[in-house]
Amino acid sequence: MTRPAFDPSLALQIARNYERWFVPSIGAPVAEDLVRSATLRAGERVLDVACGTGVVARLAADKVTPGGTVTGLDPNPAMLSVARAAAPPGTALDWVRAPAEAIPFPDGSFDVALCGMGLQFFGDRVAGLREIRRVLEDGGRLVASLPGPEPLPFELMSRSFAQWIGPEAVSFVHAVFSLHDAGEIRELASGAGFTGIEVEKSELALGPAPPAELLWRYVESTPLAAAVAGADEELRQALERDFVSRCEPLTEDTGGALAGAVTMTTLIARA
């Protein structure tokens, strides 16, 4: 696979690749399920926490029109830059740079908070959830989605990273799938003061994609790009060969493509 060159701003290139590759294959299907679970209504005020490049926010804006508003919140300025560029003209969307642990809005500012595959990355999960609860009106709802456990292709990717790149890359892959236990999620939400807590499981299909394509698109649309940035071409080729080899038992009957599913956990709770 031909790998695109990074521009001088690695963070911005990662964000662009995230919107280009990750959103269509994984981000958008997850966002669609999340927004469907939220049962949004016209006129509602929505906060999309850890919004990334804004796929959840864009879908939510369609549901709350007319009269509603959607605010995307993320600490990463590169992600917000791409989110602004991807938003359709005239859509009622605002973008705010801030972490979930310090949301810059008054109490009761929103009817609904959404969080697509972001809660596992909060620096302080309980503090972030408490902030979300604070900015929700009484009875407002939180809907969050979380992936995991780690699907086999990503377990194999972690092993390849461990051999050729190092622990930083391995840690990121593990972190993505680090929060999926229903009991732990309930405890976090309860500890933050939420009530009416529901936790549901579903399956999201992945692929199909050739292993090398999955590897490089995942690397270059996530913080893994920074971990791999210092690797020379020889090392990159070795990483690719290793991962493709590990995936061979999974692709023997699929024409060389990886296919599978990831379990998604959806949290629904009331402030």
Protein backbone atom coordinates (compact mmCIF):
# COMPACT_ATOMS: atom_id res chain seq x y z
CA MET A 1 0.00 0.00 0.00
CA THR A 2 1.29 3.48 -0.83
CA ARG A 3 1.48 5.51 2.36
CA PRO A 4 0.75 9.26 2.17
CA ALA A 5 3.41 11.70 3.28
CA PHE A 6 2.65 13.67 6.42
CA ASP A 7 2.59 17.44 6.10
CA PRO A 8 4.57 19.56 8.60
CA SER A 9 1.68 19.55 11.05
CA LEU A 10 1.41 15.91 12.07
CA ALA A 11 -1.58 16.53 14.34
CA LEU A 12 -3.55 18.15 11.52
CA GLN A 13 -2.68 15.36 9.11
CA ILE A 14 -3.82 12.77 11.65
CA ALA A 15 -7.13 14.61 12.01
CA ARG A 16 -7.59 14.78 8.25
CA ASN A 17 -6.84 11.09 7.90
CA TYR A 18 -9.23 10.33 10.76
CA GLU A 19 -12.04 12.06 8.88
CA ARG A 20 -11.01 10.51 5.56
CA TRP A 21 -10.52 6.90 6.64
CA PHE A 22 -11.63 6.16 10.18
CA VAL A 23 -14.95 8.01 10.08
CA PRO A 24 -16.43 6.24 7.00
CA SER A 25 -15.38 2.75 8.11
CA ILE A 26 -15.97 2.88 11.88
CA GLY A 27 -16.76 6.37 13.15
CA ALA A 28 -19.92 6.93 11.10
CA PRO A 29 -21.59 3.57 11.90
CA VAL A 30 -20.85 4.08 15.59
CA ALA A 31 -22.18 7.64 15.41
CA GLU A 32 -25.37 6.53 13.69
CA ASP A 33 -26.08 3.97 16.43
CA LEU A 34 -25.25 6.52 19.12
CA VAL A 35 -27.55 9.20 17.73
CA ARG A 36 -30.31 6.65 17.19
CA SER A 37 -30.03 5.56 20.85
CA ALA A 38 -30.28 9.19 21.97
CA THR A 39 -33.73 9.67 20.36
CA LEU A 40 -33.01 13.34 19.78
CA ARG A 41 -35.89 15.77 19.26
CA ALA A 42 -36.21 19.07 17.47
CA GLY A 43 -35.22 22.01 19.65
CA GLU A 44 -32.91 20.11 21.99
CA ARG A 45 -29.52 21.47 23.06
CA VAL A 46 -26.84 18.83 22.50
CA LEU A 47 -23.23 18.63 23.70
CA ASP A 48 -20.96 16.23 21.81
CA VAL A 49 -18.10 15.47 24.21
CA ALA A 50 -14.75 14.39 22.73
CA CYS A 51 -16.26 15.20 19.35
CA GLY A 52 -13.18 14.56 17.23
CA THR A 53 -13.85 15.65 13.67
CA GLY A 54 -17.56 16.04 14.39
CA VAL A 55 -19.35 13.08 12.84
CA VAL A 56 -21.68 12.66 15.85
CA ALA A 57 -22.33 16.40 16.01
CA ARG A 58 -23.22 16.57 12.31
CA LEU A 59 -25.72 13.72 12.61
CA ALA A 60 -27.19 15.19 15.79
CA ALA A 61 -27.69 18.59 14.15
CA ASP A 62 -30.02 17.02 11.59
CA LYS A 63 -32.14 15.54 14.39
CA VAL A 64 -32.57 18.68 16.51
CA THR A 65 -33.51 20.98 13.62
CA PRO A 66 -35.44 23.25 13.78
CA GLY A 67 -34.63 25.19 16.89
CA GLY A 68 -31.95 22.96 18.37
CA THR A 69 -28.23 23.49 18.78
CA VAL A 70 -25.21 21.20 18.83
CA THR A 71 -21.86 22.04 20.42
CA GLY A 72 -18.80 19.90 19.76
CA LEU A 73 -16.23 19.80 22.57
CA ASP A 74 -12.70 18.45 22.18
CA PRO A 75 -9.25 19.29 23.60
CA ASN A 76 -7.51 18.71 20.25
CA PRO A 77 -7.39 21.86 18.09
CA ALA A 78 -6.49 19.87 14.96
CA MET A 79 -9.61 17.74 15.30
CA LEU A 80 -11.73 20.86 15.76
CA SER A 81 -10.16 22.47 12.69
CA VAL A 82 -11.20 19.50 10.55
CA ALA A 83 -14.63 19.44 12.23
CA ARG A 84 -15.24 23.06 11.25
CA ALA A 85 -14.21 22.39 7.66
CA ALA A 86 -16.42 19.27 7.42
CA ALA A 87 -19.56 20.91 8.80
CA PRO A 88 -22.20 21.69 6.16
CA PRO A 89 -22.76 25.43 5.63
CA GLY A 90 -25.57 26.88 7.67
CA THR A 91 -25.69 24.02 10.20
CA ALA A 92 -26.27 25.05 13.82
CA LEU A 93 -22.92 23.76 15.06
CA ASP A 94 -20.43 25.33 17.45
CA TRP A 95 -16.96 24.03 18.30
CA VAL A 96 -15.24 24.53 21.64
CA ARG A 97 -11.74 23.49 22.69
CA ALA A 98 -11.79 22.01 26.18
CA PRO A 99 -11.40 18.66 27.98
CA ALA A 100 -14.38 16.84 29.44
CA GLU A 101 -13.04 17.51 32.93
CA ALA A 102 -13.41 21.31 32.49
CA ILE A 103 -16.46 22.06 30.33
CA PRO A 104 -16.76 25.86 29.94
CA PHE A 105 -20.55 26.14 30.22
CA PRO A 106 -22.93 26.95 33.09
CA ASP A 107 -24.94 24.35 34.94
CA GLY A 108 -27.92 22.99 33.03
CA SER A 109 -26.82 24.28 29.61
CA PHE A 110 -27.78 21.16 27.64
CA ASP A 111 -30.59 18.65 27.29
CA VAL A 112 -28.44 15.82 25.93
CA ALA A 113 -24.75 14.90 26.09
CA LEU A 114 -23.29 12.47 23.56
CA CYS A 115 -19.87 10.84 23.69
CA GLY A 116 -18.78 8.50 20.90
CA MET A 117 -15.76 6.35 21.79
CA GLY A 118 -14.23 9.05 23.98
CA LEU A 119 -14.95 8.24 27.62
CA GLN A 120 -12.13 5.70 27.80
CA PHE A 121 -9.63 8.50 27.03
CA PHE A 122 -10.75 10.93 29.76
CA GLY A 123 -7.83 11.80 32.01
CA ASP A 124 -10.20 11.44 34.97
CA ARG A 125 -13.29 9.50 33.99
CA VAL A 126 -15.37 10.28 37.07
CA ALA A 127 -14.46 13.98 36.96
CA GLY A 128 -15.38 14.12 33.27
CA LEU A 129 -18.70 12.42 33.88
CA ARG A 130 -19.44 14.77 36.79
CA GLU A 131 -18.81 17.74 34.51
CA ILE A 132 -21.12 16.29 31.90
CA ARG A 133 -23.80 15.79 34.53
CA ARG A 134 -23.31 19.37 35.77
CA VAL A 135 -23.95 20.94 32.37
CA LEU A 136 -27.04 18.80 31.76
CA GLU A 137 -30.40 20.08 32.91
CA ASP A 138 -32.21 18.03 35.54
CA GLY A 139 -33.39 14.86 33.85
CA GLY A 140 -31.11 15.44 30.88
CA ARG A 141 -29.60 12.36 29.34
CA LEU A 142 -26.12 11.10 28.58
CA VAL A 143 -25.57 8.59 25.77
CA ALA A 144 -22.05 7.24 25.32
CA SER A 145 -20.57 4.41 23.27
CA LEU A 146 -17.45 2.39 24.04
CA PRO A 147 -15.66 -0.34 22.06
CA GLY A 148 -14.24 -3.56 23.43
CA PRO A 149 -12.96 -6.04 24.22
CA GLU A 150 -10.07 -5.82 21.77
CA PRO A 151 -10.93 -7.63 18.50
CA LEU A 152 -8.44 -10.23 17.32
CA PRO A 153 -7.03 -8.15 14.42
CA PHE A 154 -6.13 -5.41 16.89
CA GLU A 155 -4.61 -7.92 19.31
CA LEU A 156 -2.38 -9.05 16.45
CA MET A 157 -1.60 -5.42 15.61
CA SER A 158 -0.53 -4.86 19.21
CA ARG A 159 1.86 -7.81 19.01
CA SER A 160 3.40 -6.41 15.85
CA PHE A 161 3.79 -3.01 17.47
CA ALA A 162 5.39 -4.62 20.53
CA GLN A 163 7.99 -6.29 18.34
CA TRP A 164 8.78 -3.44 15.94
CA ILE A 165 7.69 -0.09 17.40
CA GLY A 166 7.51 -0.18 21.18
CA PRO A 167 5.25 0.07 24.23
CA GLU A 168 3.79 3.50 23.39
CA ALA A 169 2.00 2.11 20.34
CA VAL A 170 0.84 -0.97 22.21
CA SER A 171 -0.53 1.16 25.04
CA PHE A 172 -2.64 3.22 22.67
CA VAL A 173 -4.31 0.18 21.07
CA HIS A 174 -5.05 -1.26 24.51
CA ALA A 175 -6.41 2.12 25.68
CA VAL A 176 -8.95 2.25 22.84
CA PHE A 177 -10.62 -0.92 24.15
CA SER A 178 -9.93 -0.38 27.85
CA LEU A 179 -13.46 0.43 29.06
CA HIS A 180 -16.13 -2.09 28.15
CA ASP A 181 -17.07 -3.94 31.32
CA ALA A 182 -20.74 -3.23 32.04
CA GLY A 183 -20.26 -3.25 35.80
CA GLU A 184 -17.37 -0.79 35.65
CA ILE A 185 -19.31 1.53 33.36
CA ARG A 186 -22.34 1.46 35.67
CA GLU A 187 -20.12 2.21 38.66
CA LEU A 188 -18.50 5.18 36.91
CA ALA A 189 -21.84 6.66 35.92
CA SER A 190 -23.32 6.10 39.37
CA GLY A 191 -20.26 7.58 41.05
CA ALA A 192 -20.70 10.71 38.94
CA GLY A 193 -24.29 11.10 40.14
CA PHE A 194 -26.20 9.73 37.16
CA THR A 195 -29.40 7.70 37.66
CA GLY A 196 -31.59 5.49 35.47
CA ILE A 197 -28.42 3.86 34.15
CA GLU A 198 -28.73 1.41 31.26
CA VAL A 199 -25.86 -0.46 29.62
CA GLU A 200 -26.44 -2.29 26.35
CA LYS A 201 -24.19 -4.43 24.12
CA SER A 202 -24.25 -4.72 20.32
CA GLU A 203 -21.99 -5.87 17.51
CA LEU A 204 -20.50 -3.59 14.85
CA ALA A 205 -19.15 -5.19 11.68
CA LEU A 206 -15.59 -4.31 10.69
CA GLY A 207 -13.96 -4.45 7.28
CA PRO A 208 -13.42 -6.08 5.00
CA ALA A 209 -9.96 -4.64 4.41
CA PRO A 210 -6.56 -6.09 3.49
CA PRO A 211 -4.34 -6.30 6.58
CA ALA A 212 -1.77 -3.81 5.27
CA GLU A 213 -4.49 -1.29 4.49
CA LEU A 214 -6.06 -1.68 7.94
CA LEU A 215 -2.65 -1.26 9.57
CA TRP A 216 -1.61 1.95 7.83
CA ARG A 217 -5.00 3.61 7.80
CA TYR A 218 -5.36 2.95 11.51
CA VAL A 219 -1.84 4.16 12.24
CA GLU A 220 -2.12 7.33 10.21
CA SER A 221 -5.54 8.39 11.48
CA THR A 222 -4.72 8.00 15.19
CA PRO A 223 -1.98 9.07 17.63
CA LEU A 224 -0.13 5.93 16.52
CA ALA A 225 1.21 8.10 13.69
CA ALA A 226 3.41 9.92 16.19
CA ALA A 227 4.73 6.66 17.60
CA VAL A 228 5.61 5.39 14.12
CA ALA A 229 6.84 8.72 12.76
CA GLY A 230 10.46 7.99 13.63
CA ALA A 231 10.51 4.60 11.94
CA ASP A 232 12.47 4.38 8.69
CA GLU A 233 11.12 2.64 5.60
CA GLU A 234 12.85 -0.62 6.40
CA LEU A 235 11.26 -0.76 9.82
CA ARG A 236 7.84 0.14 8.41
CA GLN A 237 8.11 -2.65 5.88
CA ALA A 238 9.09 -5.10 8.62
CA LEU A 239 6.08 -4.01 10.71
CA GLU A 240 3.77 -4.48 7.75
CA ARG A 241 5.16 -7.92 6.87
CA ASP A 242 4.86 -9.04 10.47
CA PHE A 243 1.23 -7.93 10.80
CA VAL A 244 0.21 -9.39 7.44
CA SER A 245 1.82 -12.69 8.44
CA ARG A 246 0.02 -12.77 11.78
CA CYS A 247 -3.30 -12.16 9.98
CA GLU A 248 -2.90 -14.96 7.43
CA PRO A 249 -5.07 -17.45 9.39
CA LEU A 250 -7.86 -14.84 9.42
CA THR A 251 -7.74 -14.13 5.69
CA GLU A 252 -7.40 -17.61 4.18
CA ASP A 253 -11.11 -17.85 3.37
CA THR A 254 -11.81 -14.17 2.69
CA GLY A 255 -9.73 -13.45 -0.37
CA GLY A 256 -7.02 -11.80 1.67
CA ALA A 257 -9.27 -9.34 3.52
CA LEU A 258 -9.84 -9.01 7.24
CA ALA A 259 -13.44 -9.06 8.37
CA GLY A 260 -15.01 -9.28 11.78
CA ALA A 261 -16.82 -7.29 14.42
CA VAL A 262 -16.23 -5.24 17.52
CA THR A 263 -18.53 -5.29 20.52
CA MET A 264 -19.92 -1.85 21.32
CA THR A 265 -21.25 -0.91 24.74
CA THR A 266 -23.80 1.90 24.98
CA LEU A 267 -24.36 3.78 28.22
CA ILE A 268 -27.62 5.68 28.69
CA ALA A 269 -28.11 7.63 31.92
CA ARG A 270 -30.05 10.53 33.41
CA ALA A 271 -28.71 13.59 35.21
